[in-house]
């Protein structure tokens, strides 16, 4: 910093700006670690991944149509298989946490 005398009012404004920025940063961090928000992000990610798994399973088991794209498969079968996989994953994670 240069050796220059600073206006007290300018210093006060700078301090207030720094306080406001710090308050915004704290609000963002509090929102990021809020258990409800963390759980919602996890649930959203799980839904997205389950959808991707369902599309992959459907592509693997569906006979190809005339255009080479996967044909129709009973969606209940696909969603049931994905549901069983998710349930088993949740069970394994839950048991591991209980052991700690």
PDB file of N, CA and C in Angstrom:
ATOM      1  N   UNK A   1       0.833  -1.175   0.000  1.00  0.00           N
ATOM      2  CA  UNK A   1       0.000   0.000   0.000  1.00  0.00           C
ATOM      3  C   UNK A   1       0.879   1.241   0.000  1.00  0.00           C
ATOM      4  N   UNK A   2       0.417   2.223  -0.664  1.00  0.00           N
ATOM      5  CA  UNK A   2       1.168   3.479  -0.741  1.00  0.00           C
ATOM      6  C   UNK A   2       0.949   4.273   0.527  1.00  0.00           C
ATOM      7  N   UNK A   3       1.910   5.117   0.831  1.00  0.00           N
ATOM      8  CA  UNK A   3       1.797   5.981   2.013  1.00  0.00           C
ATOM      9  C   UNK A   3       0.987   7.212   1.641  1.00  0.00           C
ATOM     10  N   UNK A   4      -0.277   7.130   1.802  1.00  0.00           N
ATOM     11  CA  UNK A   4      -1.133   8.275   1.538  1.00  0.00           C
ATOM     12  C   UNK A   4      -2.165   8.333   2.639  1.00  0.00           C
ATOM     13  N   UNK A   5      -2.501   9.494   3.021  1.00  0.00           N
ATOM     14  CA  UNK A   5      -3.498   9.630   4.082  1.00  0.00           C
ATOM     15  C   UNK A   5      -4.862   9.296   3.486  1.00  0.00           C
ATOM     16  N   UNK A   6      -5.616   8.568   4.230  1.00  0.00           N
ATOM     17  CA  UNK A   6      -6.906   8.126   3.723  1.00  0.00           C
ATOM     18  C   UNK A   6      -8.013   8.856   4.454  1.00  0.00           C
ATOM     19  N   UNK A   7      -9.008   9.166   3.716  1.00  0.00           N
ATOM     20  CA  UNK A   7     -10.183   9.835   4.246  1.00  0.00           C
ATOM     21  C   UNK A   7     -10.917   8.873   5.184  1.00  0.00           C
ATOM     22  N   UNK A   8     -11.236   9.295   6.412  1.00  0.00           N
ATOM     23  CA  UNK A   8     -11.937   8.396   7.342  1.00  0.00           C
ATOM     24  C   UNK A   8     -13.272   7.905   6.776  1.00  0.00           C
ATOM     25  N   UNK A   9     -13.967   8.742   6.045  1.00  0.00           N
ATOM     26  CA  UNK A   9     -15.243   8.323   5.463  1.00  0.00           C
ATOM     27  C   UNK A   9     -15.017   7.240   4.399  1.00  0.00           C
ATOM     28  N   UNK A  10     -13.951   7.380   3.617  1.00  0.00           N
ATOM     29  CA  UNK A  10     -13.637   6.364   2.614  1.00  0.00           C
ATOM     30  C   UNK A  10     -13.286   5.047   3.294  1.00  0.00           C
ATOM     31  N   UNK A  11     -12.553   5.136   4.404  1.00  0.00           N
ATOM     32  CA  UNK A  11     -12.220   3.922   5.164  1.00  0.00           C
ATOM     33  C   UNK A  11     -13.488   3.245   5.686  1.00  0.00           C
ATOM     34  N   UNK A  12     -14.416   4.040   6.205  1.00  0.00           N
ATOM     35  CA  UNK A  12     -15.670   3.483   6.717  1.00  0.00           C
ATOM     36  C   UNK A  12     -16.460   2.800   5.594  1.00  0.00           C
ATOM     37  N   UNK A  13     -16.507   3.435   4.421  1.00  0.00           N
ATOM     38  CA  UNK A  13     -17.205   2.824   3.287  1.00  0.00           C
ATOM     39  C   UNK A  13     -16.544   1.506   2.880  1.00  0.00           C
ATOM     40  N   UNK A  14     -15.225   1.483   2.873  1.00  0.00           N
ATOM     41  CA  UNK A  14     -14.494   0.265   2.520  1.00  0.00           C
ATOM     42  C   UNK A  14     -14.763  -0.843   3.533  1.00  0.00           C
ATOM     43  N   UNK A  15     -14.793  -0.478   4.804  1.00  0.00           N
ATOM     44  CA  UNK A  15     -15.078  -1.460   5.856  1.00  0.00           C
ATOM     45  C   UNK A  15     -16.502  -1.993   5.709  1.00  0.00           C
ATOM     46  N   UNK A  16     -17.456  -1.124   5.419  1.00  0.00           N
ATOM     47  CA  UNK A  16     -18.835  -1.569   5.233  1.00  0.00           C
ATOM     48  C   UNK A  16     -18.969  -2.494   4.027  1.00  0.00           C
ATOM     49  N   UNK A  17     -18.256  -2.178   2.944  1.00  0.00           N
ATOM     50  CA  UNK A  17     -18.281  -3.063   1.768  1.00  0.00           C
ATOM     51  C   UNK A  17     -17.702  -4.431   2.125  1.00  0.00           C
ATOM     52  N   UNK A  18     -16.602  -4.436   2.883  1.00  0.00           N
ATOM     53  CA  UNK A  18     -15.988  -5.704   3.284  1.00  0.00           C
ATOM     54  C   UNK A  18     -16.934  -6.503   4.183  1.00  0.00           C
ATOM     55  N   UNK A  19     -17.626  -5.815   5.087  1.00  0.00           N
ATOM     56  CA  UNK A  19     -18.590  -6.496   5.964  1.00  0.00           C
ATOM     57  C   UNK A  19     -19.741  -7.094   5.159  1.00  0.00           C
ATOM     58  N   UNK A  20     -20.236  -6.319   4.202  1.00  0.00           N
ATOM     59  CA  UNK A  20     -21.342  -6.808   3.370  1.00  0.00           C
ATOM     60  C   UNK A  20     -20.906  -8.033   2.562  1.00  0.00           C
ATOM     61  N   UNK A  21     -19.708  -7.978   2.011  1.00  0.00           N
ATOM     62  CA  UNK A  21     -19.188  -9.116   1.235  1.00  0.00           C
ATOM     63  C   UNK A  21     -19.009 -10.335   2.139  1.00  0.00           C
ATOM     64  N   UNK A  22     -18.502 -10.137   3.334  1.00  0.00           N
ATOM     65  CA  UNK A  22     -18.340 -11.238   4.283  1.00  0.00           C
ATOM     66  C   UNK A  22     -19.696 -11.825   4.667  1.00  0.00           C
ATOM     67  N   UNK A  23     -20.696 -10.977   4.877  1.00  0.00           N
ATOM     68  CA  UNK A  23     -22.034 -11.463   5.218  1.00  0.00           C
ATOM     69  C   UNK A  23     -22.600 -12.300   4.076  1.00  0.00           C
ATOM     70  N   UNK A  24     -22.411 -11.862   2.820  1.00  0.00           N
ATOM     71  CA  UNK A  24     -22.889 -12.643   1.678  1.00  0.00           C
ATOM     72  C   UNK A  24     -22.172 -13.989   1.608  1.00  0.00           C
ATOM     73  N   UNK A  25     -20.877 -13.982   1.852  1.00  0.00           N
ATOM     74  CA  UNK A  25     -20.104 -15.222   1.814  1.00  0.00           C
ATOM     75  C   UNK A  25     -20.584 -16.194   2.886  1.00  0.00           C
ATOM     76  N   UNK A  26     -20.835 -15.691   4.068  1.00  0.00           N
ATOM     77  CA  UNK A  26     -21.323 -16.544   5.164  1.00  0.00           C
ATOM     78  C   UNK A  26     -22.695 -17.105   4.828  1.00  0.00           C
ATOM     79  N   UNK A  27     -23.582 -16.284   4.228  1.00  0.00           N
ATOM     80  CA  UNK A  27     -24.904 -16.774   3.837  1.00  0.00           C
ATOM     81  C   UNK A  27     -24.797 -17.890   2.806  1.00  0.00           C
ATOM     82  N   UNK A  28     -23.905 -17.727   1.836  1.00  0.00           N
ATOM     83  CA  UNK A  28     -23.717 -18.762   0.806  1.00  0.00           C
ATOM     84  C   UNK A  28     -23.204 -20.050   1.449  1.00  0.00           C
ATOM     85  N   UNK A  29     -22.234 -19.935   2.345  1.00  0.00           N
ATOM     86  CA  UNK A  29     -21.695 -21.125   3.011  1.00  0.00           C
ATOM     87  C   UNK A  29     -22.750 -21.806   3.880  1.00  0.00           C
ATOM     88  N   UNK A  30     -23.539 -21.026   4.601  1.00  0.00           N
ATOM     89  CA  UNK A  30     -24.586 -21.589   5.453  1.00  0.00           C
ATOM     90  C   UNK A  30     -25.622 -22.328   4.603  1.00  0.00           C
ATOM     91  N   UNK A  31     -25.955 -21.752   3.450  1.00  0.00           N
ATOM     92  CA  UNK A  31     -26.907 -22.405   2.551  1.00  0.00           C
ATOM     93  C   UNK A  31     -26.326 -23.699   1.995  1.00  0.00           C
ATOM     94  N   UNK A  32     -25.048 -23.689   1.691  1.00  0.00           N
ATOM     95  CA  UNK A  32     -24.393 -24.855   1.096  1.00  0.00           C
ATOM     96  C   UNK A  32     -24.322 -26.025   2.067  1.00  0.00           C
ATOM     97  N   UNK A  33     -24.157 -25.764   3.369  1.00  0.00           N
ATOM     98  CA  UNK A  33     -24.007 -26.857   4.338  1.00  0.00           C
ATOM     99  C   UNK A  33     -25.285 -27.156   5.111  1.00  0.00           C
ATOM    100  N   UNK A  34     -26.378 -26.472   4.787  1.00  0.00           N
ATOM    101  CA  UNK A  34     -27.656 -26.720   5.430  1.00  0.00           C
ATOM    102  C   UNK A  34     -28.058 -28.172   5.154  1.00  0.00           C
ATOM    103  N   UNK A  35     -28.342 -28.957   6.190  1.00  0.00           N
ATOM    104  CA  UNK A  35     -28.650 -30.379   5.991  1.00  0.00           C
ATOM    105  C   UNK A  35     -29.810 -30.622   5.021  1.00  0.00           C
ATOM    106  N   UNK A  36     -30.822 -29.786   5.065  1.00  0.00           N
ATOM    107  CA  UNK A  36     -31.957 -29.959   4.155  1.00  0.00           C
ATOM    108  C   UNK A  36     -31.511 -29.770   2.702  1.00  0.00           C
ATOM    109  N   UNK A  37     -30.683 -28.756   2.454  1.00  0.00           N
ATOM    110  CA  UNK A  37     -30.203 -28.502   1.093  1.00  0.00           C
ATOM    111  C   UNK A  37     -29.260 -29.610   0.622  1.00  0.00           C
ATOM    112  N   UNK A  38     -28.422 -30.086   1.535  1.00  0.00           N
ATOM    113  CA  UNK A  38     -27.511 -31.188   1.187  1.00  0.00           C
ATOM    114  C   UNK A  38     -28.324 -32.425   0.823  1.00  0.00           C
ATOM    115  N   UNK A  39     -29.360 -32.726   1.607  1.00  0.00           N
ATOM    116  CA  UNK A  39     -30.204 -33.883   1.330  1.00  0.00           C
ATOM    117  C   UNK A  39     -30.936 -33.721   0.000  1.00  0.00           C
ATOM    118  N   UNK A  40     -31.427 -32.514  -0.283  1.00  0.00           N
ATOM    119  CA  UNK A  40     -32.137 -32.274  -1.540  1.00  0.00           C
ATOM    120  C   UNK A  40     -31.210 -32.460  -2.736  1.00  0.00           C
ATOM    121  N   UNK A  41     -29.987 -31.943  -2.626  1.00  0.00           N
ATOM    122  CA  UNK A  41     -29.023 -32.119  -3.727  1.00  0.00           C
ATOM    123  C   UNK A  41     -28.708 -33.603  -3.931  1.00  0.00           C
ATOM    124  N   UNK A  42     -28.573 -34.344  -2.820  1.00  0.00           N
ATOM    125  CA  UNK A  42     -28.307 -35.776  -2.921  1.00  0.00           C
ATOM    126  C   UNK A  42     -29.472 -36.511  -3.566  1.00  0.00           C
ATOM    127  N   UNK A  43     -30.693 -36.165  -3.183  1.00  0.00           N
ATOM    128  CA  UNK A  43     -31.870 -36.802  -3.766  1.00  0.00           C
ATOM    129  C   UNK A  43     -31.976 -36.481  -5.259  1.00  0.00           C
ATOM    130  N   UNK A  44     -31.723 -35.238  -5.618  1.00  0.00           N
ATOM    131  CA  UNK A  44     -31.760 -34.856  -7.035  1.00  0.00           C
ATOM    132  C   UNK A  44     -30.726 -35.632  -7.840  1.00  0.00           C
ATOM    133  N   UNK A  45     -29.522 -35.755  -7.274  1.00  0.00           N
ATOM    134  CA  UNK A  45     -28.458 -36.493  -7.964  1.00  0.00           C
ATOM    135  C   UNK A  45     -28.835 -37.971  -8.096  1.00  0.00           C
ATOM    136  N   UNK A  46     -29.440 -38.544  -7.057  1.00  0.00           N
ATOM    137  CA  UNK A  46     -29.855 -39.944  -7.097  1.00  0.00           C
ATOM    138  C   UNK A  46     -30.932 -40.167  -8.156  1.00  0.00           C
ATOM    139  N   UNK A  47     -31.899 -39.250  -8.248  1.00  0.00           N
ATOM    140  CA  UNK A  47     -32.940 -39.366  -9.269  1.00  0.00           C
ATOM    141  C   UNK A  47     -32.344 -39.306 -10.664  1.00  0.00           C
ATOM    142  N   UNK A  48     -31.420 -38.394 -10.857  1.00  0.00           N
ATOM    143  CA  UNK A  48     -30.786 -38.257 -12.172  1.00  0.00           C
ATOM    144  C   UNK A  48     -30.012 -39.526 -12.539  1.00  0.00           C
ATOM    145  N   UNK A  49     -29.249 -40.050 -11.583  1.00  0.00           N
ATOM    146  CA  UNK A  49     -28.472 -41.260 -11.852  1.00  0.00           C
ATOM    147  C   UNK A  49     -29.377 -42.465 -12.074  1.00  0.00           C
ATOM    148  N   UNK A  50     -30.482 -42.552 -11.336  1.00  0.00           N
ATOM    149  CA  UNK A  50     -31.419 -43.659 -11.530  1.00  0.00           C
ATOM    150  C   UNK A  50     -32.037 -43.586 -12.920  1.00  0.00           C
ATOM    151  N   UNK A  51     -32.328 -42.379 -13.388  1.00  0.00           N
ATOM    152  CA  UNK A  51     -32.852 -42.219 -14.739  1.00  0.00           C
ATOM    153  C   UNK A  51     -31.851 -42.661 -15.788  1.00  0.00           C
ATOM    154  N   UNK A  52     -30.581 -42.331 -15.557  1.00  0.00           N
ATOM    155  CA  UNK A  52     -29.542 -42.755 -16.498  1.00  0.00           C
ATOM    156  C   UNK A  52     -29.389 -44.274 -16.500  1.00  0.00           C
ATOM    157  N   UNK A  53     -29.461 -44.870 -15.323  1.00  0.00           N
ATOM    158  CA  UNK A  53     -29.369 -46.330 -15.236  1.00  0.00           C
ATOM    159  C   UNK A  53     -30.559 -46.964 -15.945  1.00  0.00           C
ATOM    160  N   UNK A  54     -31.742 -46.408 -15.747  1.00  0.00           N
ATOM    161  CA  UNK A  54     -32.933 -46.955 -16.393  1.00  0.00           C
ATOM    162  C   UNK A  54     -32.806 -46.881 -17.916  1.00  0.00           C
ATOM    163  N   UNK A  55     -32.309 -45.768 -18.427  1.00  0.00           N
ATOM    164  CA  UNK A  55     -32.133 -45.648 -19.878  1.00  0.00           C
ATOM    165  C   UNK A  55     -31.085 -46.634 -20.388  1.00  0.00           C
ATOM    166  N   UNK A  56     -30.023 -46.822 -19.620  1.00  0.00           N
ATOM    167  CA  UNK A  56     -28.983 -47.767 -20.026  1.00  0.00           C
ATOM    168  C   UNK A  56     -29.504 -49.196 -20.028  1.00  0.00           C
ATOM    169  N   UNK A  57     -30.230 -49.567 -18.974  1.00  0.00           N
ATOM    170  CA  UNK A  57     -30.789 -50.917 -18.893  1.00  0.00           C
ATOM    171  C   UNK A  57     -31.780 -51.125 -20.030  1.00  0.00           C
ATOM    172  N   UNK A  58     -32.601 -50.126 -20.298  1.00  0.00           N
ATOM    173  CA  UNK A  58     -33.569 -50.251 -21.379  1.00  0.00           C
ATOM    174  C   UNK A  58     -32.860 -50.455 -22.712  1.00  0.00           C
ATOM    175  N   UNK A  59     -31.783 -49.714 -22.930  1.00  0.00           N
ATOM    176  CA  UNK A  59     -31.038 -49.864 -24.182  1.00  0.00           C
ATOM    177  C   UNK A  59     -30.410 -51.257 -24.288  1.00  0.00           C
ATOM    178  N   UNK A  60     -30.033 -51.829 -23.152  1.00  0.00           N
ATOM    179  CA  UNK A  60     -29.392 -53.146 -23.171  1.00  0.00           C
ATOM    180  C   UNK A  60     -30.386 -54.275 -23.411  1.00  0.00           C
ATOM    181  N   UNK A  61     -31.607 -54.162 -22.874  1.00  0.00           N
ATOM    182  CA  UNK A  61     -32.525 -55.288 -22.946  1.00  0.00           C
ATOM    183  C   UNK A  61     -33.595 -55.140 -24.015  1.00  0.00           C
ATOM    184  N   UNK A  62     -33.733 -53.936 -24.562  1.00  0.00           N
ATOM    185  CA  UNK A  62     -34.779 -53.728 -25.562  1.00  0.00           C
ATOM    186  C   UNK A  62     -34.285 -54.175 -26.927  1.00  0.00           C
ATOM    187  N   UNK A  63     -35.077 -54.928 -27.644  1.00  0.00           N
ATOM    188  CA  UNK A  63     -34.676 -55.287 -29.002  1.00  0.00           C
ATOM    189  C   UNK A  63     -34.680 -54.044 -29.872  1.00  0.00           C
ATOM    190  N   UNK A  64     -33.717 -53.912 -30.758  1.00  0.00           N
ATOM    191  CA  UNK A  64     -33.671 -52.714 -31.581  1.00  0.00           C
ATOM    192  C   UNK A  64     -34.867 -52.644 -32.523  1.00  0.00           C
ATOM    193  N   UNK A  65     -35.336 -51.418 -32.727  1.00  0.00           N
ATOM    194  CA  UNK A  65     -36.449 -51.200 -33.645  1.00  0.00           C
ATOM    195  C   UNK A  65     -35.949 -51.120 -35.078  1.00  0.00           C
ATOM    196  N   UNK A  66     -36.846 -50.719 -35.970  1.00  0.00           N
ATOM    197  CA  UNK A  66     -36.495 -50.625 -37.377  1.00  0.00           C
ATOM    198  C   UNK A  66     -35.420 -49.571 -37.638  1.00  0.00           C
ATOM    199  N   UNK A  67     -35.432 -48.524 -36.840  1.00  0.00           N
ATOM    200  CA  UNK A  67     -34.470 -47.436 -37.044  1.00  0.00           C
ATOM    201  C   UNK A  67     -33.153 -47.662 -36.301  1.00  0.00           C
ATOM    202  N   UNK A  68     -32.991 -48.801 -35.660  1.00  0.00           N
ATOM    203  CA  UNK A  68     -31.753 -49.100 -34.942  1.00  0.00           C
ATOM    204  C   UNK A  68     -31.755 -48.611 -33.504  1.00  0.00           C
ATOM    205  N   UNK A  69     -32.753 -47.816 -33.138  1.00  0.00           N
ATOM    206  CA  UNK A  69     -32.874 -47.334 -31.761  1.00  0.00           C
ATOM    207  C   UNK A  69     -33.492 -48.432 -30.903  1.00  0.00           C
ATOM    208  N   UNK A  70     -33.261 -48.382 -29.582  1.00  0.00           N
ATOM    209  CA  UNK A  70     -33.863 -49.399 -28.717  1.00  0.00           C
ATOM    210  C   UNK A  70     -35.383 -49.353 -28.819  1.00  0.00           C
ATOM    211  N   UNK A  71     -35.991 -50.507 -28.794  1.00  0.00           N
ATOM    212  CA  UNK A  71     -37.442 -50.597 -28.869  1.00  0.00           C
ATOM    213  C   UNK A  71     -38.072 -50.370 -27.511  1.00  0.00           C
ATOM    214  N   UNK A  72     -39.355 -50.631 -27.431  1.00  0.00           N
ATOM    215  CA  UNK A  72     -40.092 -50.439 -26.187  1.00  0.00           C
ATOM    216  C   UNK A  72     -39.897 -51.639 -25.263  1.00  0.00           C
ATOM    217  N   UNK A  73     -39.772 -51.349 -23.994  1.00  0.00           N
ATOM    218  CA  UNK A  73     -39.656 -52.369 -22.955  1.00  0.00           C
ATOM    219  C   UNK A  73     -40.666 -51.997 -21.887  1.00  0.00           C
ATOM    220  N   UNK A  74     -41.165 -52.979 -21.209  1.00  0.00           N
ATOM    221  CA  UNK A  74     -42.083 -52.696 -20.119  1.00  0.00           C
ATOM    222  C   UNK A  74     -41.343 -51.851 -19.074  1.00  0.00           C
ATOM    223  N   UNK A  75     -41.753 -50.632 -18.952  1.00  0.00           N
ATOM    224  CA  UNK A  75     -41.066 -49.694 -18.040  1.00  0.00           C
ATOM    225  C   UNK A  75     -41.135 -50.156 -16.594  1.00  0.00           C
ATOM    226  N   UNK A  76     -42.175 -50.870 -16.254  1.00  0.00           N
ATOM    227  CA  UNK A  76     -42.280 -51.366 -14.878  1.00  0.00           C
ATOM    228  C   UNK A  76     -41.131 -52.296 -14.538  1.00  0.00           C
ATOM    229  N   UNK A  77     -40.726 -53.096 -15.515  1.00  0.00           N
ATOM    230  CA  UNK A  77     -39.595 -54.004 -15.308  1.00  0.00           C
ATOM    231  C   UNK A  77     -38.312 -53.213 -15.072  1.00  0.00           C
ATOM    232  N   UNK A  78     -38.091 -52.217 -15.889  1.00  0.00           N
ATOM    233  CA  UNK A  78     -36.877 -51.402 -15.770  1.00  0.00           C
ATOM    234  C   UNK A  78     -36.866 -50.660 -14.445  1.00  0.00           C
ATOM    235  N   UNK A  79     -38.000 -49.996 -14.122  1.00  0.00           N
ATOM    236  CA  UNK A  79     -38.055 -49.239 -12.866  1.00  0.00           C
ATOM    237  C   UNK A  79     -37.967 -50.161 -11.653  1.00  0.00           C
ATOM    238  N   UNK A  80     -38.519 -51.348 -11.759  1.00  0.00           N
ATOM    239  CA  UNK A  80     -38.401 -52.308 -10.658  1.00  0.00           C
ATOM    240  C   UNK A  80     -36.958 -52.719 -10.431  1.00  0.00           C
ATOM    241  N   UNK A  81     -36.239 -52.987 -11.523  1.00  0.00           N
ATOM    242  CA  UNK A  81     -34.825 -53.373 -11.395  1.00  0.00           C
ATOM    243  C   UNK A  81     -34.005 -52.223 -10.814  1.00  0.00           C
ATOM    244  N   UNK A  82     -34.278 -51.018 -11.282  1.00  0.00           N
ATOM    245  CA  UNK A  82     -33.557 -49.853 -10.747  1.00  0.00           C
ATOM    246  C   UNK A  82     -33.904 -49.658  -9.280  1.00  0.00           C
ATOM    247  N   UNK A  83     -35.176 -49.830  -8.934  1.00  0.00           N
ATOM    248  CA  UNK A  83     -35.602 -49.685  -7.540  1.00  0.00           C
ATOM    249  C   UNK A  83     -34.911 -50.675  -6.623  1.00  0.00           C
ATOM    250  N   UNK A  84     -34.797 -51.909  -7.065  1.00  0.00           N
ATOM    251  CA  UNK A  84     -34.098 -52.925  -6.269  1.00  0.00           C
ATOM    252  C   UNK A  84     -32.637 -52.537  -6.090  1.00  0.00           C
ATOM    253  N   UNK A  85     -32.010 -52.054  -7.163  1.00  0.00           N
ATOM    254  CA  UNK A  85     -30.608 -51.633  -7.070  1.00  0.00           C
ATOM    255  C   UNK A  85     -30.424 -50.477  -6.105  1.00  0.00           C
ATOM    256  N   UNK A  86     -31.317 -49.500  -6.172  1.00  0.00           N
ATOM    257  CA  UNK A  86     -31.239 -48.352  -5.261  1.00  0.00           C
ATOM    258  C   UNK A  86     -31.468 -48.804  -3.829  1.00  0.00           C
ATOM    259  N   UNK A  87     -32.456 -49.665  -3.618  1.00  0.00           N
ATOM    260  CA  UNK A  87     -32.742 -50.143  -2.264  1.00  0.00           C
ATOM    261  C   UNK A  87     -31.546 -50.895  -1.679  1.00  0.00           C
ATOM    262  N   UNK A  88     -30.914 -51.729  -2.484  1.00  0.00           N
ATOM    263  CA  UNK A  88     -29.736 -52.447  -1.996  1.00  0.00           C
ATOM    264  C   UNK A  88     -28.598 -51.491  -1.676  1.00  0.00           C
ATOM    265  N   UNK A  89     -28.417 -50.477  -2.511  1.00  0.00           N
ATOM    266  CA  UNK A  89     -27.359 -49.496  -2.250  1.00  0.00           C
ATOM    267  C   UNK A  89     -27.629 -48.754  -0.952  1.00  0.00           C
ATOM    268  N   UNK A  90     -28.877 -48.339  -0.742  1.00  0.00           N
ATOM    269  CA  UNK A  90     -29.228 -47.636   0.495  1.00  0.00           C
ATOM    270  C   UNK A  90     -29.008 -48.537   1.696  1.00  0.00           C
ATOM    271  N   UNK A  91     -29.382 -49.791   1.588  1.00  0.00           N
ATOM    272  CA  UNK A  91     -29.201 -50.735   2.690  1.00  0.00           C
ATOM    273  C   UNK A  91     -27.722 -50.896   3.038  1.00  0.00           C
ATOM    274  N   UNK A  92     -26.883 -51.042   2.042  1.00  0.00           N
ATOM    275  CA  UNK A  92     -25.443 -51.205   2.280  1.00  0.00           C
ATOM    276  C   UNK A  92     -24.863 -49.956   2.938  1.00  0.00           C
ATOM    277  N   UNK A  93     -25.216 -48.780   2.437  1.00  0.00           N
ATOM    278  CA  UNK A  93     -24.708 -47.535   3.013  1.00  0.00           C
ATOM    279  C   UNK A  93     -25.181 -47.392   4.449  1.00  0.00           C
ATOM    280  N   UNK A  94     -26.454 -47.698   4.716  1.00  0.00           N
ATOM    281  CA  UNK A  94     -27.008 -47.572   6.052  1.00  0.00           C
ATOM    282  C   UNK A  94     -26.302 -48.509   7.026  1.00  0.00           C
ATOM    283  N   UNK A  95     -26.059 -49.748   6.604  1.00  0.00           N
ATOM    284  CA  UNK A  95     -25.372 -50.707   7.484  1.00  0.00           C
ATOM    285  C   UNK A  95     -23.949 -50.285   7.778  1.00  0.00           C
ATOM    286  N   UNK A  96     -23.267 -49.729   6.775  1.00  0.00           N
ATOM    287  CA  UNK A  96     -21.887 -49.276   7.012  1.00  0.00           C
ATOM    288  C   UNK A  96     -21.856 -48.127   8.003  1.00  0.00           C
ATOM    289  N   UNK A  97     -22.806 -47.227   7.911  1.00  0.00           N
ATOM    290  CA  UNK A  97     -22.838 -46.100   8.852  1.00  0.00           C
ATOM    291  C   UNK A  97     -23.172 -46.564  10.266  1.00  0.00           C
ATOM    292  N   UNK A  98     -24.018 -47.596  10.384  1.00  0.00           N
ATOM    293  CA  UNK A  98     -24.353 -48.103  11.704  1.00  0.00           C
ATOM    294  C   UNK A  98     -23.165 -48.733  12.397  1.00  0.00           C
ATOM    295  N   UNK A  99     -22.261 -49.319  11.630  1.00  0.00           N
ATOM    296  CA  UNK A  99     -21.093 -49.996  12.218  1.00  0.00           C
ATOM    297  C   UNK A  99     -20.092 -49.012  12.808  1.00  0.00           C
ATOM    298  N   UNK A 100     -20.125 -47.789  12.360  1.00  0.00           N
ATOM    299  CA  UNK A 100     -19.132 -46.801  12.839  1.00  0.00           C
ATOM    300  C   UNK A 100     -19.439 -46.316  14.178  1.00  0.00           C
TER     301      UNK A 100
END
